[in-house]
Amino acid sequence: MLRGNSAQPPDIPLKQRLVLLDLNMPKMGGSEFFQKLRSNPILRTTPVVVMTTSNQEQDRVEAYNLSVVG
């Protein structure tokens, strides 16, 4: 959805994106998703707001290290 594919452009234009991310997602964890997003040269500037029920300081530090916007 964010990257599109070779036949179609992304569903959401680059300039109109904001990701609301839960760190406690099933299947792929939020931290893993965040790292993949930041490692993609096209998607790395997408603003991300993290929402989580985690009380772990490590989760907050990791999010800030990956340039969370809120």
Protein backbone atom coordinates (compact mmCIF):
# COMPACT_ATOMS: atom_id res chain seq x y z
CA MET A 1 0.00 0.00 0.00
CA LEU A 2 2.82 2.44 0.82
CA ARG A 3 5.26 1.28 -1.84
CA GLY A 4 2.94 0.32 -4.69
CA ASN A 5 4.35 -2.12 -7.23
CA SER A 6 5.87 -2.03 -10.68
CA ALA A 7 2.43 -1.93 -12.33
CA GLN A 8 0.77 0.62 -10.03
CA PRO A 9 1.82 3.63 -7.96
CA PRO A 10 1.22 3.69 -4.18
CA ASP A 11 -2.38 4.03 -3.00
CA ILE A 12 -1.51 7.04 -0.84
CA PRO A 13 0.57 9.91 -2.30
CA LEU A 14 3.90 10.53 -0.54
CA LYS A 15 3.00 14.05 0.58
CA GLN A 16 -0.26 12.97 2.23
CA ARG A 17 1.03 10.32 4.59
CA LEU A 18 1.01 9.88 8.32
CA VAL A 19 1.47 6.47 9.92
CA LEU A 20 -0.17 5.76 13.29
CA LEU A 21 1.82 2.81 14.59
CA ASP A 22 1.05 0.42 17.44
CA LEU A 23 4.24 -1.22 18.69
CA ASN A 24 2.28 -4.29 19.85
CA MET A 25 0.98 -5.41 16.43
CA PRO A 26 0.40 -9.10 15.68
CA LYS A 27 2.56 -10.94 13.10
CA MET A 28 5.08 -8.13 12.41
CA GLY A 29 5.91 -6.08 15.48
CA GLY A 30 5.66 -2.32 15.32
CA SER A 31 9.40 -1.89 15.89
CA GLU A 32 10.17 -4.20 12.97
CA PHE A 33 7.74 -2.31 10.73
CA PHE A 34 9.25 1.01 11.81
CA GLN A 35 12.78 -0.20 11.01
CA LYS A 36 11.71 -1.42 7.55
CA LEU A 37 9.99 1.90 6.86
CA ARG A 38 13.08 3.89 7.84
CA SER A 39 15.40 1.66 5.80
CA ASN A 40 13.44 2.33 2.59
CA PRO A 41 14.85 5.45 0.84
CA ILE A 42 11.44 6.47 -0.53
CA LEU A 43 9.46 5.87 2.67
CA ARG A 44 12.03 7.01 5.24
CA THR A 45 10.60 10.55 5.47
CA THR A 46 7.05 9.32 6.19
CA PRO A 47 5.98 10.80 9.55
CA VAL A 48 5.20 8.18 12.21
CA VAL A 49 3.23 8.63 15.44
CA VAL A 50 3.63 5.72 17.86
CA MET A 51 0.81 4.62 20.12
CA THR A 52 1.45 1.83 22.57
CA THR A 53 0.47 0.40 25.93
CA SER A 54 4.10 -0.54 26.55
CA ASN A 55 5.73 0.91 29.64
CA GLN A 56 9.19 -0.20 28.56
CA GLU A 57 11.70 2.64 28.27
CA GLN A 58 13.49 0.65 25.55
CA ASP A 59 10.42 0.97 23.27
CA ARG A 60 10.37 4.75 23.64
CA VAL A 61 14.12 5.10 23.09
CA GLU A 62 13.99 2.92 19.98
CA ALA A 63 11.08 4.95 18.57
CA TYR A 64 12.94 8.24 19.12
CA ASN A 65 16.09 6.78 17.58
CA LEU A 66 14.03 5.99 14.47
CA SER A 67 12.79 9.61 14.32
CA VAL A 68 9.26 9.23 15.60
CA VAL A 69 7.28 12.48 15.31
CA GLY A 70 5.10 11.80 18.32
